Amino acid sequence: MFVIEFDAPGLPGETSSEMEEGEHPPLEEERVTGGSPPFVTGLSVTVLVVAAVKFLVHLYANRHYGYFVDELYYIACGDHLDWGYVDQPPLVALIAKIVRSLFGDSLSAIRFLPALAGTVKVLLTGIIAHELGGQRFSQALAAVAILVAPGFLAIDTFLSMNSFEAVLWTSCALAIIRIIKTGNQKLWIWFGILAGIGLENKYSMLIFGAAITALRSNRQAQRQSPLGSFEPVHMWRIHVLGSRKLGNHPLRRCDPVRVAIGSIV
């Protein structure tokens, strides 16, 4: 688990009372809603429709084209369960074993969970768009972008580690966004659980953890810089967002982690 604390400094020229180290005041919208989880309010119905379309498309398409060579390898690994293999962690083999035991060996059965993972990616993308202040159009656009992305259309068509990897990375990104917005450090527990599952799925989860650690280190270096409030992040706020026009926008207290997440999304 990566135990990292983020501060949320105000924009240049903003006046605010000093906060004790480790305290993170919630944004205005959090004070109003009481920090309701994003699954409860604000998610566009269009996102749900796009997610349903994604699921139906894969239920139809995944029945065709025969077994992919990697699927046969994972199925074979499922017949010889272990704590790890030469070229992957154990989760995908365990998934193959469970799916075959419950649903059989058909293409539709083997590829059911990848189709479901693709659906979850669409939902998570819509939720992140909502968390970053996107309204209905922004949420729908983000969801459609995931729906038509060729890479996701490909990896969600067959059983592999990749379809689950994207879900776990996106879930960790959502956890970080919620930590930044609410200051709820207990969410790091969920981040750790998701990251741990991600490591059991694919070792590339370490890249995500390394990126978060590097961004935190960069933020600490900026705070110690003699440039003070003229750091690049502050200049980005002034020229791109407009320091006096943000209002209650979720990026109002933007720091490098939020900039990075926004660039990825």
C-alpha atoms as a PDB file:
ATOM      1  CA  MET A   1       0.000   0.000   0.000  1.00  0.00           C
ATOM      2  CA  PHE A   2       1.271   3.462  -0.876  1.00  0.00           C
ATOM      3  CA  VAL A   3       0.758   5.723   2.142  1.00  0.00           C
ATOM      4  CA  ILE A   4       0.827   9.212   0.658  1.00  0.00           C
ATOM      5  CA  GLU A   5      -0.853  12.369   1.899  1.00  0.00           C
ATOM      6  CA  PHE A   6      -1.812  15.193  -0.434  1.00  0.00           C
ATOM      7  CA  ASP A   7      -2.240  18.787   0.522  1.00  0.00           C
ATOM      8  CA  ALA A   8      -4.640  21.061  -1.302  1.00  0.00           C
ATOM      9  CA  PRO A   9      -3.208  24.574  -1.507  1.00  0.00           C
ATOM     10  CA  GLY A  10      -5.396  27.376  -2.714  1.00  0.00           C
ATOM     11  CA  LEU A  11      -4.840  29.372  -5.869  1.00  0.00           C
ATOM     12  CA  PRO A  12      -2.434  32.296  -5.986  1.00  0.00           C
ATOM     13  CA  GLY A  13      -3.993  35.250  -4.298  1.00  0.00           C
ATOM     14  CA  GLU A  14      -6.510  33.139  -2.356  1.00  0.00           C
ATOM     15  CA  THR A  15      -6.740  33.826   1.345  1.00  0.00           C
ATOM     16  CA  SER A  16      -7.404  30.900   3.628  1.00  0.00           C
ATOM     17  CA  SER A  17      -6.679  29.944   7.186  1.00  0.00           C
ATOM     18  CA  GLU A  18      -3.699  27.784   7.940  1.00  0.00           C
ATOM     19  CA  MET A  19      -4.443  24.060   8.052  1.00  0.00           C
ATOM     20  CA  GLU A  20      -2.590  21.615  10.208  1.00  0.00           C
ATOM     21  CA  GLU A  21      -0.372  19.211   8.359  1.00  0.00           C
ATOM     22  CA  GLY A  22      -2.353  16.200   7.095  1.00  0.00           C
ATOM     23  CA  GLU A  23      -5.716  18.052   7.154  1.00  0.00           C
ATOM     24  CA  HIS A  24      -7.520  18.394   3.845  1.00  0.00           C
ATOM     25  CA  PRO A  25     -10.640  20.558   3.758  1.00  0.00           C
ATOM     26  CA  PRO A  26     -13.379  19.201   1.480  1.00  0.00           C
ATOM     27  CA  LEU A  27     -14.405  21.151  -1.579  1.00  0.00           C
ATOM     28  CA  GLU A  28     -17.554  23.252  -1.530  1.00  0.00           C
ATOM     29  CA  GLU A  29     -19.600  20.564  -3.223  1.00  0.00           C
ATOM     30  CA  GLU A  30     -18.493  18.064  -0.592  1.00  0.00           C
ATOM     31  CA  ARG A  31     -19.752  20.344   2.173  1.00  0.00           C
ATOM     32  CA  VAL A  32     -23.110  20.570   0.465  1.00  0.00           C
ATOM     33  CA  THR A  33     -23.568  16.898  -0.346  1.00  0.00           C
ATOM     34  CA  GLY A  34     -21.875  15.533   2.750  1.00  0.00           C
ATOM     35  CA  GLY A  35     -19.328  13.735   0.566  1.00  0.00           C
ATOM     36  CA  SER A  36     -21.858  11.379  -1.047  1.00  0.00           C
ATOM     37  CA  PRO A  37     -20.131   8.745  -3.168  1.00  0.00           C
ATOM     38  CA  PRO A  38     -20.209   9.345  -6.913  1.00  0.00           C
ATOM     39  CA  PHE A  39     -22.328   6.231  -7.433  1.00  0.00           C
ATOM     40  CA  VAL A  40     -25.261   7.888  -5.661  1.00  0.00           C
ATOM     41  CA  THR A  41     -25.828  11.207  -7.408  1.00  0.00           C
ATOM     42  CA  GLY A  42     -24.858  13.060 -10.554  1.00  0.00           C
ATOM     43  CA  LEU A  43     -24.112  10.185 -12.939  1.00  0.00           C
ATOM     44  CA  SER A  44     -25.747  10.658 -16.331  1.00  0.00           C
ATOM     45  CA  VAL A  45     -28.257   8.076 -17.530  1.00  0.00           C
ATOM     46  CA  THR A  46     -26.454   8.210 -20.870  1.00  0.00           C
ATOM     47  CA  VAL A  47     -23.408   6.639 -19.241  1.00  0.00           C
ATOM     48  CA  LEU A  48     -25.536   3.700 -18.108  1.00  0.00           C
ATOM     49  CA  VAL A  49     -26.918   3.326 -21.632  1.00  0.00           C
ATOM     50  CA  VAL A  50     -23.432   3.391 -23.162  1.00  0.00           C
ATOM     51  CA  ALA A  51     -22.263   0.808 -20.626  1.00  0.00           C
ATOM     52  CA  ALA A  52     -25.190  -1.449 -21.544  1.00  0.00           C
ATOM     53  CA  VAL A  53     -24.349  -1.068 -25.242  1.00  0.00           C
ATOM     54  CA  LYS A  54     -20.732  -1.997 -24.501  1.00  0.00           C
ATOM     55  CA  PHE A  55     -21.841  -5.146 -22.698  1.00  0.00           C
ATOM     56  CA  LEU A  56     -24.266  -6.211 -25.432  1.00  0.00           C
ATOM     57  CA  VAL A  57     -21.717  -5.596 -28.189  1.00  0.00           C
ATOM     58  CA  HIS A  58     -19.229  -7.906 -26.517  1.00  0.00           C
ATOM     59  CA  LEU A  59     -21.796 -10.543 -25.651  1.00  0.00           C
ATOM     60  CA  TYR A  60     -22.480 -10.769 -29.374  1.00  0.00           C
ATOM     61  CA  ALA A  61     -18.966 -10.341 -30.764  1.00  0.00           C
ATOM     62  CA  ASN A  62     -17.148 -12.498 -28.227  1.00  0.00           C
ATOM     63  CA  ARG A  63     -18.846 -15.650 -29.527  1.00  0.00           C
ATOM     64  CA  HIS A  64     -16.899 -15.516 -32.763  1.00  0.00           C
ATOM     65  CA  TYR A  65     -13.387 -15.942 -34.222  1.00  0.00           C
ATOM     66  CA  GLY A  66     -12.336 -18.945 -32.134  1.00  0.00           C
ATOM     67  CA  TYR A  67      -9.970 -19.162 -29.169  1.00  0.00           C
ATOM     68  CA  PHE A  68      -7.105 -16.711 -28.996  1.00  0.00           C
ATOM     69  CA  VAL A  69      -3.740 -18.352 -28.359  1.00  0.00           C
ATOM     70  CA  ASP A  70      -3.265 -16.588 -25.015  1.00  0.00           C
ATOM     71  CA  GLU A  71      -6.652 -17.848 -23.850  1.00  0.00           C
ATOM     72  CA  LEU A  72      -5.541 -21.432 -24.366  1.00  0.00           C
ATOM     73  CA  TYR A  73      -2.445 -20.720 -22.290  1.00  0.00           C
ATOM     74  CA  TYR A  74      -4.467 -19.215 -19.447  1.00  0.00           C
ATOM     75  CA  ILE A  75      -6.886 -22.135 -19.554  1.00  0.00           C
ATOM     76  CA  ALA A  76      -3.945 -24.523 -19.290  1.00  0.00           C
ATOM     77  CA  CYS A  77      -2.576 -22.525 -16.345  1.00  0.00           C
ATOM     78  CA  GLY A  78      -6.026 -22.780 -14.752  1.00  0.00           C
ATOM     79  CA  ASP A  79      -5.676 -26.549 -14.856  1.00  0.00           C
ATOM     80  CA  HIS A  80      -2.413 -26.200 -12.901  1.00  0.00           C
ATOM     81  CA  LEU A  81      -3.135 -23.485 -10.360  1.00  0.00           C
ATOM     82  CA  ASP A  82      -0.125 -22.025  -8.609  1.00  0.00           C
ATOM     83  CA  TRP A  83       0.958 -18.853  -6.784  1.00  0.00           C
ATOM     84  CA  GLY A  84       2.587 -17.538  -9.944  1.00  0.00           C
ATOM     85  CA  TYR A  85       3.880 -18.471 -13.374  1.00  0.00           C
ATOM     86  CA  VAL A  86       6.858 -17.642 -15.547  1.00  0.00           C
ATOM     87  CA  ASP A  87       5.220 -14.692 -17.261  1.00  0.00           C
ATOM     88  CA  GLN A  88       2.217 -13.631 -15.168  1.00  0.00           C
ATOM     89  CA  PRO A  89       0.764 -13.566 -11.622  1.00  0.00           C
ATOM     90  CA  PRO A  90      -1.891 -16.141 -10.657  1.00  0.00           C
ATOM     91  CA  LEU A  91      -5.150 -14.170 -10.981  1.00  0.00           C
ATOM     92  CA  VAL A  92      -5.935 -14.742 -14.666  1.00  0.00           C
ATOM     93  CA  ALA A  93      -5.410 -18.492 -14.290  1.00  0.00           C
ATOM     94  CA  LEU A  94      -7.719 -18.522 -11.276  1.00  0.00           C
ATOM     95  CA  ILE A  95     -10.343 -16.584 -13.240  1.00  0.00           C
ATOM     96  CA  ALA A  96     -10.094 -19.068 -16.104  1.00  0.00           C
ATOM     97  CA  LYS A  97     -10.549 -21.959 -13.671  1.00  0.00           C
ATOM     98  CA  ILE A  98     -13.580 -20.394 -11.944  1.00  0.00           C
ATOM     99  CA  VAL A  99     -15.286 -19.403 -15.198  1.00  0.00           C
ATOM    100  CA  ARG A 100     -14.857 -22.854 -16.724  1.00  0.00           C
ATOM    101  CA  SER A 101     -16.168 -24.490 -13.557  1.00  0.00           C
ATOM    102  CA  LEU A 102     -19.269 -22.278 -13.482  1.00  0.00           C
ATOM    103  CA  PHE A 103     -20.102 -21.671 -17.132  1.00  0.00           C
ATOM    104  CA  GLY A 104     -18.197 -24.226 -19.212  1.00  0.00           C
ATOM    105  CA  ASP A 105     -15.645 -23.946 -22.011  1.00  0.00           C
ATOM    106  CA  SER A 106     -17.620 -22.056 -24.647  1.00  0.00           C
ATOM    107  CA  LEU A 107     -16.279 -18.795 -26.082  1.00  0.00           C
ATOM    108  CA  SER A 108     -19.188 -16.887 -24.538  1.00  0.00           C
ATOM    109  CA  ALA A 109     -18.396 -18.360 -21.111  1.00  0.00           C
ATOM    110  CA  ILE A 110     -14.638 -17.763 -21.258  1.00  0.00           C
ATOM    111  CA  ARG A 111     -15.133 -14.174 -22.431  1.00  0.00           C
ATOM    112  CA  PHE A 112     -18.029 -13.188 -20.174  1.00  0.00           C
ATOM    113  CA  LEU A 113     -15.867 -11.537 -17.507  1.00  0.00           C
ATOM    114  CA  PRO A 114     -13.793  -9.536 -20.033  1.00  0.00           C
ATOM    115  CA  ALA A 115     -17.077  -8.201 -21.442  1.00  0.00           C
ATOM    116  CA  LEU A 116     -18.195  -7.314 -17.922  1.00  0.00           C
ATOM    117  CA  ALA A 117     -14.836  -5.640 -17.259  1.00  0.00           C
ATOM    118  CA  GLY A 118     -15.331  -3.498 -20.352  1.00  0.00           C
ATOM    119  CA  THR A 119     -18.715  -2.436 -19.047  1.00  0.00           C
ATOM    120  CA  VAL A 120     -17.233  -1.471 -15.689  1.00  0.00           C
ATOM    121  CA  LYS A 121     -14.577   0.627 -17.470  1.00  0.00           C
ATOM    122  CA  VAL A 122     -17.310   2.674 -19.144  1.00  0.00           C
ATOM    123  CA  LEU A 123     -19.062   3.239 -15.808  1.00  0.00           C
ATOM    124  CA  LEU A 124     -15.852   4.199 -14.027  1.00  0.00           C
ATOM    125  CA  THR A 125     -14.961   6.636 -16.794  1.00  0.00           C
ATOM    126  CA  GLY A 126     -18.350   8.324 -16.490  1.00  0.00           C
ATOM    127  CA  ILE A 127     -17.955   8.516 -12.711  1.00  0.00           C
ATOM    128  CA  ILE A 128     -14.495  10.074 -13.002  1.00  0.00           C
ATOM    129  CA  ALA A 129     -15.833  12.626 -15.487  1.00  0.00           C
ATOM    130  CA  HIS A 130     -18.534  13.473 -12.940  1.00  0.00           C
ATOM    131  CA  GLU A 131     -16.013  13.694 -10.104  1.00  0.00           C
ATOM    132  CA  LEU A 132     -13.919  16.138 -12.129  1.00  0.00           C
ATOM    133  CA  GLY A 133     -16.908  18.402 -12.632  1.00  0.00           C
ATOM    134  CA  GLY A 134     -18.234  17.102 -15.952  1.00  0.00           C
ATOM    135  CA  GLN A 135     -21.958  17.457 -16.616  1.00  0.00           C
ATOM    136  CA  ARG A 136     -24.111  15.138 -18.730  1.00  0.00           C
ATOM    137  CA  PHE A 137     -22.443  15.886 -22.046  1.00  0.00           C
ATOM    138  CA  SER A 138     -18.927  15.469 -20.651  1.00  0.00           C
ATOM    139  CA  GLN A 139     -19.833  12.201 -18.954  1.00  0.00           C
ATOM    140  CA  ALA A 140     -21.483  10.856 -22.102  1.00  0.00           C
ATOM    141  CA  LEU A 141     -18.526  11.915 -24.277  1.00  0.00           C
ATOM    142  CA  ALA A 142     -16.059  10.194 -21.942  1.00  0.00           C
ATOM    143  CA  ALA A 143     -18.153   7.013 -21.890  1.00  0.00           C
ATOM    144  CA  VAL A 144     -18.517   6.938 -25.676  1.00  0.00           C
ATOM    145  CA  ALA A 145     -14.759   7.460 -26.053  1.00  0.00           C
ATOM    146  CA  ILE A 146     -14.181   4.274 -24.049  1.00  0.00           C
ATOM    147  CA  LEU A 147     -16.891   2.453 -25.996  1.00  0.00           C
ATOM    148  CA  VAL A 148     -15.306   3.128 -29.400  1.00  0.00           C
ATOM    149  CA  ALA A 149     -11.630   2.997 -28.379  1.00  0.00           C
ATOM    150  CA  PRO A 150     -10.058   0.323 -30.618  1.00  0.00           C
ATOM    151  CA  GLY A 151      -7.686  -0.869 -27.905  1.00  0.00           C
ATOM    152  CA  PHE A 152     -10.485  -1.537 -25.430  1.00  0.00           C
ATOM    153  CA  LEU A 153     -12.685  -3.091 -28.117  1.00  0.00           C
ATOM    154  CA  ALA A 154      -9.843  -5.533 -28.719  1.00  0.00           C
ATOM    155  CA  ILE A 155      -8.793  -6.461 -25.183  1.00  0.00           C
ATOM    156  CA  ASP A 156     -12.381  -6.873 -23.975  1.00  0.00           C
ATOM    157  CA  THR A 157     -13.023  -9.452 -26.706  1.00  0.00           C
ATOM    158  CA  PHE A 158     -10.962 -12.259 -25.196  1.00  0.00           C
ATOM    159  CA  LEU A 159      -9.765 -13.495 -21.820  1.00  0.00           C
ATOM    160  CA  SER A 160      -6.534 -11.814 -20.772  1.00  0.00           C
ATOM    161  CA  MET A 161      -4.966  -9.834 -17.954  1.00  0.00           C
ATOM    162  CA  ASN A 162      -5.335  -6.602 -19.932  1.00  0.00           C
ATOM    163  CA  SER A 163      -9.111  -6.248 -19.692  1.00  0.00           C
ATOM    164  CA  PHE A 164      -8.954  -6.437 -15.880  1.00  0.00           C
ATOM    165  CA  GLU A 165      -5.816  -4.277 -15.665  1.00  0.00           C
ATOM    166  CA  ALA A 166      -7.599  -1.228 -17.091  1.00  0.00           C
ATOM    167  CA  VAL A 167     -10.436  -1.640 -14.575  1.00  0.00           C
ATOM    168  CA  LEU A 168      -8.040  -1.792 -11.633  1.00  0.00           C
ATOM    169  CA  TRP A 169      -5.964   1.190 -12.770  1.00  0.00           C
ATOM    170  CA  THR A 170      -9.102   3.255 -13.309  1.00  0.00           C
ATOM    171  CA  SER A 171     -10.490   2.219  -9.920  1.00  0.00           C
ATOM    172  CA  CYS A 172      -7.252   3.312  -8.225  1.00  0.00           C
ATOM    173  CA  ALA A 173      -7.417   6.647 -10.071  1.00  0.00           C
ATOM    174  CA  LEU A 174     -10.965   7.143  -8.824  1.00  0.00           C
ATOM    175  CA  ALA A 175      -9.863   6.364  -5.263  1.00  0.00           C
ATOM    176  CA  ILE A 176      -7.141   9.018  -5.489  1.00  0.00           C
ATOM    177  CA  ILE A 177      -9.578  11.580  -6.853  1.00  0.00           C
ATOM    178  CA  ARG A 178     -11.918  10.915  -3.930  1.00  0.00           C
ATOM    179  CA  ILE A 179      -9.040  11.240  -1.473  1.00  0.00           C
ATOM    180  CA  ILE A 180      -8.103  14.602  -2.964  1.00  0.00           C
ATOM    181  CA  LYS A 181     -11.680  15.877  -2.965  1.00  0.00           C
ATOM    182  CA  THR A 182     -12.772  14.653   0.445  1.00  0.00           C
ATOM    183  CA  GLY A 183      -9.515  14.404   2.399  1.00  0.00           C
ATOM    184  CA  ASN A 184     -10.657  10.975   3.590  1.00  0.00           C
ATOM    185  CA  GLN A 185      -7.375   9.166   4.221  1.00  0.00           C
ATOM    186  CA  LYS A 186      -9.222   5.901   4.934  1.00  0.00           C
ATOM    187  CA  LEU A 187      -9.749   5.580   1.191  1.00  0.00           C
ATOM    188  CA  TRP A 188      -6.090   4.638   0.954  1.00  0.00           C
ATOM    189  CA  ILE A 189      -7.167   1.267   2.345  1.00  0.00           C
ATOM    190  CA  TRP A 190      -9.335   0.723  -0.729  1.00  0.00           C
ATOM    191  CA  PHE A 191      -6.516   1.972  -2.921  1.00  0.00           C
ATOM    192  CA  GLY A 192      -4.227  -0.613  -1.327  1.00  0.00           C
ATOM    193  CA  ILE A 193      -6.752  -3.411  -1.813  1.00  0.00           C
ATOM    194  CA  LEU A 194      -7.263  -2.512  -5.477  1.00  0.00           C
ATOM    195  CA  ALA A 195      -3.533  -2.123  -6.074  1.00  0.00           C
ATOM    196  CA  GLY A 196      -2.906  -5.481  -4.400  1.00  0.00           C
ATOM    197  CA  ILE A 197      -5.453  -7.202  -6.621  1.00  0.00           C
ATOM    198  CA  GLY A 198      -3.848  -5.418  -9.568  1.00  0.00           C
ATOM    199  CA  LEU A 199      -0.469  -6.890  -8.682  1.00  0.00           C
ATOM    200  CA  GLU A 200      -2.018 -10.355  -8.591  1.00  0.00           C
ATOM    201  CA  ASN A 201      -3.346  -9.655 -12.083  1.00  0.00           C
ATOM    202  CA  LYS A 202      -0.354  -7.992 -13.765  1.00  0.00           C
ATOM    203  CA  TYR A 203       2.956  -6.678 -12.490  1.00  0.00           C
ATOM    204  CA  SER A 204       2.526  -3.421 -14.406  1.00  0.00           C
ATOM    205  CA  MET A 205       0.439  -2.222 -11.443  1.00  0.00           C
ATOM    206  CA  LEU A 206       3.830  -1.269  -9.988  1.00  0.00           C
ATOM    207  CA  ILE A 207       4.093   1.417 -12.681  1.00  0.00           C
ATOM    208  CA  PHE A 208       0.973   3.105 -11.354  1.00  0.00           C
ATOM    209  CA  GLY A 209       2.305   3.031  -7.797  1.00  0.00           C
ATOM    210  CA  ALA A 210       5.677   4.358  -8.912  1.00  0.00           C
ATOM    211  CA  ALA A 211       3.956   7.225 -10.752  1.00  0.00           C
ATOM    212  CA  ILE A 212       1.974   8.228  -7.659  1.00  0.00           C
ATOM    213  CA  THR A 213       5.119   8.109  -5.530  1.00  0.00           C
ATOM    214  CA  ALA A 214       7.063  10.182  -8.067  1.00  0.00           C
ATOM    215  CA  LEU A 215       4.319  12.799  -8.269  1.00  0.00           C
ATOM    216  CA  ARG A 216       4.236  13.091  -4.502  1.00  0.00           C
ATOM    217  CA  SER A 217       8.012  13.502  -4.384  1.00  0.00           C
ATOM    218  CA  ASN A 218       7.800  16.157  -7.087  1.00  0.00           C
ATOM    219  CA  ARG A 219       5.181  18.032  -5.066  1.00  0.00           C
ATOM    220  CA  GLN A 220       7.422  18.009  -1.992  1.00  0.00           C
ATOM    221  CA  ALA A 221      10.326  19.336  -4.077  1.00  0.00           C
ATOM    222  CA  GLN A 222       8.131  22.160  -5.393  1.00  0.00           C
ATOM    223  CA  ARG A 223       7.124  23.202  -1.885  1.00  0.00           C
ATOM    224  CA  GLN A 224      10.824  23.547  -0.996  1.00  0.00           C
ATOM    225  CA  SER A 225      11.589  25.516  -4.164  1.00  0.00           C
ATOM    226  CA  PRO A 226      12.595  29.202  -3.713  1.00  0.00           C
ATOM    227  CA  LEU A 227      10.205  30.034  -6.575  1.00  0.00           C
ATOM    228  CA  GLY A 228       7.327  29.582  -4.140  1.00  0.00           C
ATOM    229  CA  SER A 229       3.978  30.489  -5.660  1.00  0.00           C
ATOM    230  CA  PHE A 230       5.499  30.891  -9.134  1.00  0.00           C
ATOM    231  CA  GLU A 231       5.865  27.150  -9.548  1.00  0.00           C
ATOM    232  CA  PRO A 232       4.731  25.689 -12.926  1.00  0.00           C
ATOM    233  CA  VAL A 233       1.512  24.331 -11.490  1.00  0.00           C
ATOM    234  CA  HIS A 234       0.418  27.791 -10.404  1.00  0.00           C
ATOM    235  CA  MET A 235       1.258  29.216 -13.827  1.00  0.00           C
ATOM    236  CA  TRP A 236      -0.820  26.433 -15.391  1.00  0.00           C
ATOM    237  CA  ARG A 237      -3.752  27.403 -13.198  1.00  0.00           C
ATOM    238  CA  ILE A 238      -3.504  31.066 -14.156  1.00  0.00           C
ATOM    239  CA  HIS A 239      -3.174  30.651 -17.916  1.00  0.00           C
ATOM    240  CA  VAL A 240      -5.366  27.601 -18.531  1.00  0.00           C
ATOM    241  CA  LEU A 241      -8.066  27.597 -15.879  1.00  0.00           C
ATOM    242  CA  GLY A 242      -8.115  31.238 -14.799  1.00  0.00           C
ATOM    243  CA  SER A 243      -7.548  31.678 -11.102  1.00  0.00           C
ATOM    244  CA  ARG A 244     -10.594  33.910 -10.584  1.00  0.00           C
ATOM    245  CA  LYS A 245     -13.079  31.991 -12.722  1.00  0.00           C
ATOM    246  CA  LEU A 246     -12.932  28.510 -11.246  1.00  0.00           C
ATOM    247  CA  GLY A 247     -15.634  29.018  -8.637  1.00  0.00           C
ATOM    248  CA  ASN A 248     -16.490  25.635  -7.124  1.00  0.00           C
ATOM    249  CA  HIS A 249     -14.887  23.607  -9.904  1.00  0.00           C
ATOM    250  CA  PRO A 250     -13.309  20.398  -8.508  1.00  0.00           C
ATOM    251  CA  LEU A 251      -9.931  21.418  -9.922  1.00  0.00           C
ATOM    252  CA  ARG A 252     -10.004  24.634  -7.864  1.00  0.00           C
ATOM    253  CA  ARG A 253      -7.266  23.321  -5.570  1.00  0.00           C
ATOM    254  CA  CYS A 254      -5.436  21.492  -8.296  1.00  0.00           C
ATOM    255  CA  ASP A 255      -2.027  19.984  -7.600  1.00  0.00           C
ATOM    256  CA  PRO A 256       0.264  17.879  -9.842  1.00  0.00           C
ATOM    257  CA  VAL A 257      -1.558  14.638  -9.047  1.00  0.00           C
ATOM    258  CA  ARG A 258      -4.844  16.112 -10.206  1.00  0.00           C
ATOM    259  CA  VAL A 259      -3.220  17.515 -13.331  1.00  0.00           C
ATOM    260  CA  ALA A 260      -1.808  14.074 -14.131  1.00  0.00           C
ATOM    261  CA  ILE A 261      -5.146  12.328 -13.581  1.00  0.00           C
ATOM    262  CA  GLY A 262      -6.922  14.894 -15.716  1.00  0.00           C
ATOM    263  CA  SER A 263      -4.394  14.340 -18.509  1.00  0.00           C
ATOM    264  CA  ILE A 264      -4.908  10.575 -18.374  1.00  0.00           C
ATOM    265  CA  VAL A 265      -8.692  10.818 -18.326  1.00  0.00           C
END
